[in-house]
């Protein structure tokens, strides 16, 4: 990943952490919803970074599995915002963890 991409990724993560802190401190439903949407965006950004940063030597199955899990996490998080779909929040968290573990497997290899 080049320097510009790392800077953008850091900026996005810092913004998301600030949004989480505001959500906790303010206990405002609008800010909480924004934080949930931010989680979906972060999952999507990680999926993009993994997919575009994959090298030819990376196991394609692990790359696609990690990307698929992160995209699934983003979709599940958005669905969790709909009335009656709160259980998707747990699915989103599990998928995000699986995608992140896939990222570590790719980087170790």
N, C-alpha and C. Protein backbone atom coordinates (compact mmCIF):
# COMPACT_ATOMS: atom_id res chain seq x y z
N UNK A 1 0.85 -1.17 0.00
CA UNK A 1 0.00 0.00 0.00
C UNK A 1 0.90 1.24 0.00
N UNK A 2 0.60 2.15 -0.88
CA UNK A 2 1.43 3.35 -0.97
C UNK A 2 1.12 4.33 0.16
N UNK A 3 1.95 5.33 0.27
CA UNK A 3 1.85 6.30 1.36
C UNK A 3 0.52 7.06 1.36
N UNK A 4 0.06 7.42 0.17
CA UNK A 4 -1.21 8.16 0.07
C UNK A 4 -2.38 7.31 0.56
N UNK A 5 -2.41 6.05 0.17
CA UNK A 5 -3.48 5.15 0.60
C UNK A 5 -3.46 4.95 2.11
N UNK A 6 -2.26 4.81 2.67
CA UNK A 6 -2.15 4.66 4.13
C UNK A 6 -2.66 5.90 4.84
N UNK A 7 -2.35 7.07 4.31
CA UNK A 7 -2.81 8.32 4.92
C UNK A 7 -4.32 8.42 4.87
N UNK A 8 -4.90 8.06 3.74
CA UNK A 8 -6.37 8.09 3.60
C UNK A 8 -7.00 7.10 4.57
N UNK A 9 -6.45 5.90 4.64
CA UNK A 9 -6.99 4.88 5.54
C UNK A 9 -6.90 5.33 6.99
N UNK A 10 -5.78 5.90 7.38
CA UNK A 10 -5.64 6.42 8.75
C UNK A 10 -6.66 7.51 9.03
N UNK A 11 -6.87 8.40 8.09
CA UNK A 11 -7.84 9.48 8.27
C UNK A 11 -9.25 8.94 8.44
N UNK A 12 -9.60 7.95 7.65
CA UNK A 12 -10.93 7.34 7.76
C UNK A 12 -11.08 6.68 9.12
N UNK A 13 -10.06 5.96 9.56
CA UNK A 13 -10.13 5.28 10.86
C UNK A 13 -10.22 6.27 12.01
N UNK A 14 -9.46 7.35 11.94
CA UNK A 14 -9.52 8.37 13.00
C UNK A 14 -10.91 9.01 13.03
N UNK A 15 -11.46 9.30 11.86
CA UNK A 15 -12.82 9.85 11.80
C UNK A 15 -13.84 8.89 12.38
N UNK A 16 -13.68 7.60 12.09
CA UNK A 16 -14.61 6.61 12.63
C UNK A 16 -14.49 6.51 14.15
N UNK A 17 -13.28 6.53 14.66
CA UNK A 17 -13.09 6.48 16.12
C UNK A 17 -13.71 7.70 16.78
N UNK A 18 -13.56 8.87 16.16
CA UNK A 18 -14.19 10.08 16.69
C UNK A 18 -15.71 9.95 16.68
N UNK A 19 -16.24 9.34 15.64
CA UNK A 19 -17.69 9.13 15.56
C UNK A 19 -18.17 8.16 16.64
N UNK A 20 -17.41 7.12 16.89
CA UNK A 20 -17.75 6.17 17.96
C UNK A 20 -17.74 6.89 19.31
N UNK A 21 -16.71 7.69 19.56
CA UNK A 21 -16.62 8.43 20.83
C UNK A 21 -17.81 9.37 20.98
N UNK A 22 -18.17 10.07 19.92
CA UNK A 22 -19.32 10.98 19.97
C UNK A 22 -20.60 10.20 20.23
N UNK A 23 -20.72 9.03 19.63
CA UNK A 23 -21.91 8.20 19.83
C UNK A 23 -22.04 7.78 21.29
N UNK A 24 -20.93 7.42 21.90
CA UNK A 24 -20.95 6.99 23.31
C UNK A 24 -21.22 8.17 24.23
N UNK A 25 -20.54 9.28 23.98
CA UNK A 25 -20.67 10.44 24.86
C UNK A 25 -22.03 11.14 24.74
N UNK A 26 -22.54 11.25 23.53
CA UNK A 26 -23.78 12.00 23.32
C UNK A 26 -25.04 11.16 23.47
N UNK A 27 -24.92 9.86 23.26
CA UNK A 27 -26.07 8.95 23.32
C UNK A 27 -27.22 9.47 22.46
N UNK A 28 -26.87 9.92 21.27
CA UNK A 28 -27.83 10.48 20.33
C UNK A 28 -28.11 9.43 19.25
N UNK A 29 -29.39 9.12 18.97
CA UNK A 29 -29.70 8.09 17.98
C UNK A 29 -29.16 8.41 16.57
N UNK A 30 -29.13 9.67 16.22
CA UNK A 30 -28.62 10.05 14.89
C UNK A 30 -27.12 9.77 14.80
N UNK A 31 -26.39 10.12 15.85
CA UNK A 31 -24.94 9.89 15.87
C UNK A 31 -24.66 8.39 15.93
N UNK A 32 -25.47 7.65 16.67
CA UNK A 32 -25.31 6.20 16.75
C UNK A 32 -25.54 5.56 15.38
N UNK A 33 -26.56 6.02 14.67
CA UNK A 33 -26.82 5.51 13.32
C UNK A 33 -25.66 5.85 12.39
N UNK A 34 -25.13 7.05 12.52
CA UNK A 34 -23.97 7.45 11.71
C UNK A 34 -22.77 6.55 12.02
N UNK A 35 -22.58 6.19 13.28
CA UNK A 35 -21.49 5.30 13.66
C UNK A 35 -21.70 3.91 13.06
N UNK A 36 -22.93 3.44 13.05
CA UNK A 36 -23.23 2.14 12.44
C UNK A 36 -22.96 2.17 10.94
N UNK A 37 -23.35 3.25 10.28
CA UNK A 37 -23.06 3.39 8.86
C UNK A 37 -21.55 3.52 8.63
N UNK A 38 -20.86 4.16 9.57
CA UNK A 38 -19.41 4.26 9.49
C UNK A 38 -18.75 2.89 9.57
N UNK A 39 -19.31 2.01 10.41
CA UNK A 39 -18.79 0.64 10.51
C UNK A 39 -18.92 -0.06 9.16
N UNK A 40 -20.07 0.12 8.52
CA UNK A 40 -20.29 -0.49 7.20
C UNK A 40 -19.27 0.06 6.20
N UNK A 41 -19.03 1.36 6.27
CA UNK A 41 -18.07 1.98 5.35
C UNK A 41 -16.66 1.46 5.61
N UNK A 42 -16.28 1.33 6.87
CA UNK A 42 -14.95 0.81 7.22
C UNK A 42 -14.78 -0.61 6.69
N UNK A 43 -15.81 -1.44 6.85
CA UNK A 43 -15.74 -2.81 6.34
C UNK A 43 -15.55 -2.79 4.82
N UNK A 44 -16.28 -1.92 4.14
CA UNK A 44 -16.13 -1.80 2.69
C UNK A 44 -14.75 -1.31 2.28
N UNK A 45 -14.22 -0.35 3.01
CA UNK A 45 -12.87 0.17 2.71
C UNK A 45 -11.83 -0.92 2.92
N UNK A 46 -11.94 -1.68 4.00
CA UNK A 46 -11.00 -2.77 4.23
C UNK A 46 -11.09 -3.81 3.11
N UNK A 47 -12.31 -4.13 2.68
CA UNK A 47 -12.47 -5.08 1.58
C UNK A 47 -11.76 -4.57 0.33
N UNK A 48 -11.94 -3.30 0.03
CA UNK A 48 -11.29 -2.70 -1.14
C UNK A 48 -9.77 -2.74 -1.01
N UNK A 49 -9.26 -2.39 0.16
CA UNK A 49 -7.81 -2.38 0.38
C UNK A 49 -7.23 -3.78 0.23
N UNK A 50 -7.91 -4.77 0.77
CA UNK A 50 -7.42 -6.15 0.67
C UNK A 50 -7.43 -6.60 -0.79
N UNK A 51 -8.52 -6.32 -1.49
CA UNK A 51 -8.65 -6.79 -2.88
C UNK A 51 -7.63 -6.12 -3.79
N UNK A 52 -7.48 -4.81 -3.66
CA UNK A 52 -6.55 -4.10 -4.54
C UNK A 52 -5.09 -4.29 -4.13
N UNK A 53 -4.86 -4.63 -2.88
CA UNK A 53 -3.50 -4.81 -2.39
C UNK A 53 -2.99 -6.23 -2.48
N UNK A 54 -3.83 -7.15 -2.96
CA UNK A 54 -3.42 -8.54 -3.04
C UNK A 54 -2.35 -8.71 -4.11
N UNK A 55 -1.36 -9.51 -3.79
CA UNK A 55 -0.30 -9.79 -4.77
C UNK A 55 -0.56 -11.15 -5.42
N UNK A 56 0.16 -11.42 -6.46
CA UNK A 56 -0.02 -12.68 -7.19
C UNK A 56 0.32 -13.89 -6.33
N UNK A 57 1.18 -13.70 -5.33
CA UNK A 57 1.58 -14.82 -4.48
C UNK A 57 0.56 -15.12 -3.37
N UNK A 58 -0.40 -14.21 -3.14
CA UNK A 58 -1.42 -14.44 -2.11
C UNK A 58 -2.39 -15.51 -2.58
N UNK A 59 -2.82 -16.35 -1.63
CA UNK A 59 -3.81 -17.38 -1.94
C UNK A 59 -5.12 -16.70 -2.31
N UNK A 60 -5.55 -16.89 -3.53
CA UNK A 60 -6.75 -16.21 -4.05
C UNK A 60 -7.99 -16.55 -3.23
N UNK A 61 -8.08 -17.79 -2.74
CA UNK A 61 -9.25 -18.19 -1.94
C UNK A 61 -9.32 -17.40 -0.65
N UNK A 62 -8.17 -17.18 -0.01
CA UNK A 62 -8.14 -16.42 1.24
C UNK A 62 -8.49 -14.96 0.98
N UNK A 63 -7.95 -14.42 -0.10
CA UNK A 63 -8.24 -13.02 -0.45
C UNK A 63 -9.74 -12.85 -0.70
N UNK A 64 -10.31 -13.71 -1.54
CA UNK A 64 -11.74 -13.59 -1.85
C UNK A 64 -12.61 -13.89 -0.63
N UNK A 65 -12.17 -14.81 0.22
CA UNK A 65 -12.90 -15.10 1.46
C UNK A 65 -12.92 -13.91 2.39
N UNK A 66 -11.76 -13.26 2.55
CA UNK A 66 -11.68 -12.08 3.42
C UNK A 66 -12.51 -10.94 2.85
N UNK A 67 -12.39 -10.71 1.55
CA UNK A 67 -13.16 -9.63 0.91
C UNK A 67 -14.65 -9.93 1.01
N UNK A 68 -15.04 -11.17 0.75
CA UNK A 68 -16.45 -11.54 0.84
C UNK A 68 -17.01 -11.36 2.25
N UNK A 69 -16.22 -11.74 3.25
CA UNK A 69 -16.66 -11.58 4.63
C UNK A 69 -16.83 -10.11 4.99
N UNK A 70 -15.91 -9.27 4.54
CA UNK A 70 -16.00 -7.84 4.85
C UNK A 70 -17.16 -7.16 4.11
N UNK A 71 -17.38 -7.54 2.86
CA UNK A 71 -18.54 -7.00 2.13
C UNK A 71 -19.83 -7.48 2.79
N UNK A 72 -19.85 -8.75 3.20
CA UNK A 72 -21.02 -9.27 3.93
C UNK A 72 -21.25 -8.53 5.23
N UNK A 73 -20.16 -8.18 5.92
CA UNK A 73 -20.28 -7.41 7.16
C UNK A 73 -20.88 -6.04 6.90
N UNK A 74 -20.46 -5.40 5.83
CA UNK A 74 -21.00 -4.08 5.49
C UNK A 74 -22.49 -4.16 5.18
N UNK A 75 -22.87 -5.15 4.39
CA UNK A 75 -24.29 -5.31 4.04
C UNK A 75 -25.12 -5.65 5.27
N UNK A 76 -24.62 -6.56 6.10
CA UNK A 76 -25.34 -6.94 7.32
C UNK A 76 -25.51 -5.75 8.26
N UNK A 77 -24.49 -4.90 8.34
CA UNK A 77 -24.57 -3.73 9.22
C UNK A 77 -25.66 -2.77 8.75
N UNK A 78 -25.76 -2.57 7.45
CA UNK A 78 -26.80 -1.69 6.92
C UNK A 78 -28.18 -2.32 7.16
N UNK A 79 -28.29 -3.63 6.95
CA UNK A 79 -29.57 -4.30 7.20
C UNK A 79 -29.96 -4.23 8.67
N UNK A 80 -28.97 -4.24 9.56
CA UNK A 80 -29.25 -4.18 11.00
C UNK A 80 -29.92 -2.88 11.40
N UNK A 81 -29.79 -1.85 10.58
CA UNK A 81 -30.43 -0.57 10.88
C UNK A 81 -31.93 -0.58 10.59
N UNK A 82 -32.38 -1.55 9.81
CA UNK A 82 -33.80 -1.63 9.48
C UNK A 82 -34.58 -2.22 10.65
N UNK A 83 -35.80 -1.76 10.85
CA UNK A 83 -36.61 -2.30 11.95
C UNK A 83 -36.82 -3.81 11.79
N UNK A 84 -36.60 -4.55 12.86
CA UNK A 84 -36.81 -5.99 12.85
C UNK A 84 -35.60 -6.80 12.41
N UNK A 85 -34.52 -6.15 12.07
CA UNK A 85 -33.34 -6.86 11.58
C UNK A 85 -32.13 -6.68 12.50
N UNK A 86 -32.36 -6.45 13.76
CA UNK A 86 -31.27 -6.17 14.71
C UNK A 86 -30.29 -7.34 14.83
N UNK A 87 -30.74 -8.56 14.57
CA UNK A 87 -29.85 -9.71 14.68
C UNK A 87 -28.72 -9.67 13.65
N UNK A 88 -28.91 -8.90 12.59
CA UNK A 88 -27.86 -8.78 11.59
C UNK A 88 -26.62 -8.07 12.14
N UNK A 89 -26.79 -7.35 13.24
CA UNK A 89 -25.64 -6.66 13.84
C UNK A 89 -24.60 -7.68 14.33
N UNK A 90 -25.08 -8.76 14.92
CA UNK A 90 -24.17 -9.83 15.37
C UNK A 90 -23.49 -10.48 14.17
N UNK A 91 -24.28 -10.75 13.13
CA UNK A 91 -23.71 -11.34 11.92
C UNK A 91 -22.64 -10.43 11.33
N UNK A 92 -22.90 -9.14 11.35
CA UNK A 92 -21.95 -8.17 10.83
C UNK A 92 -20.63 -8.23 11.60
N UNK A 93 -20.73 -8.30 12.91
CA UNK A 93 -19.52 -8.36 13.74
C UNK A 93 -18.73 -9.63 13.47
N UNK A 94 -19.42 -10.76 13.39
CA UNK A 94 -18.75 -12.04 13.14
C UNK A 94 -18.07 -12.02 11.77
N UNK A 95 -18.78 -11.53 10.75
CA UNK A 95 -18.20 -11.46 9.41
C UNK A 95 -16.99 -10.52 9.37
N UNK A 96 -17.08 -9.41 10.08
CA UNK A 96 -15.95 -8.47 10.12
C UNK A 96 -14.72 -9.14 10.74
N UNK A 97 -14.92 -9.86 11.83
CA UNK A 97 -13.81 -10.55 12.48
C UNK A 97 -13.20 -11.59 11.54
N UNK A 98 -14.05 -12.35 10.84
CA UNK A 98 -13.54 -13.34 9.89
C UNK A 98 -12.75 -12.67 8.76
N UNK A 99 -13.25 -11.56 8.26
CA UNK A 99 -12.53 -10.84 7.22
C UNK A 99 -11.21 -10.30 7.71
N UNK A 100 -11.20 -9.81 8.92
CA UNK A 100 -9.96 -9.27 9.50
C UNK A 100 -8.95 -10.39 9.74
N UNK A 101 -9.43 -11.55 10.18
CA UNK A 101 -8.53 -12.71 10.34
C UNK A 101 -7.96 -13.12 8.99
N UNK A 102 -8.79 -13.08 7.95
CA UNK A 102 -8.31 -13.36 6.60
C UNK A 102 -7.20 -12.41 6.19
N UNK A 103 -7.36 -11.14 6.55
CA UNK A 103 -6.33 -10.14 6.26
C UNK A 103 -5.01 -10.52 6.92
N UNK A 104 -5.06 -10.96 8.18
CA UNK A 104 -3.83 -11.35 8.87
C UNK A 104 -3.21 -12.59 8.24
N UNK A 105 -4.03 -13.53 7.79
CA UNK A 105 -3.50 -14.72 7.12
C UNK A 105 -2.79 -14.31 5.83
N UNK A 106 -3.38 -13.38 5.09
CA UNK A 106 -2.76 -12.91 3.84
C UNK A 106 -1.42 -12.23 4.13
N UNK A 107 -1.38 -11.41 5.14
CA UNK A 107 -0.15 -10.67 5.46
C UNK A 107 0.94 -11.57 6.01
N UNK A 108 0.57 -12.67 6.66
CA UNK A 108 1.58 -13.61 7.19
C UNK A 108 2.21 -14.43 6.08
N UNK A 109 1.42 -14.68 5.03
CA UNK A 109 1.87 -15.56 3.95
C UNK A 109 2.82 -14.98 3.02
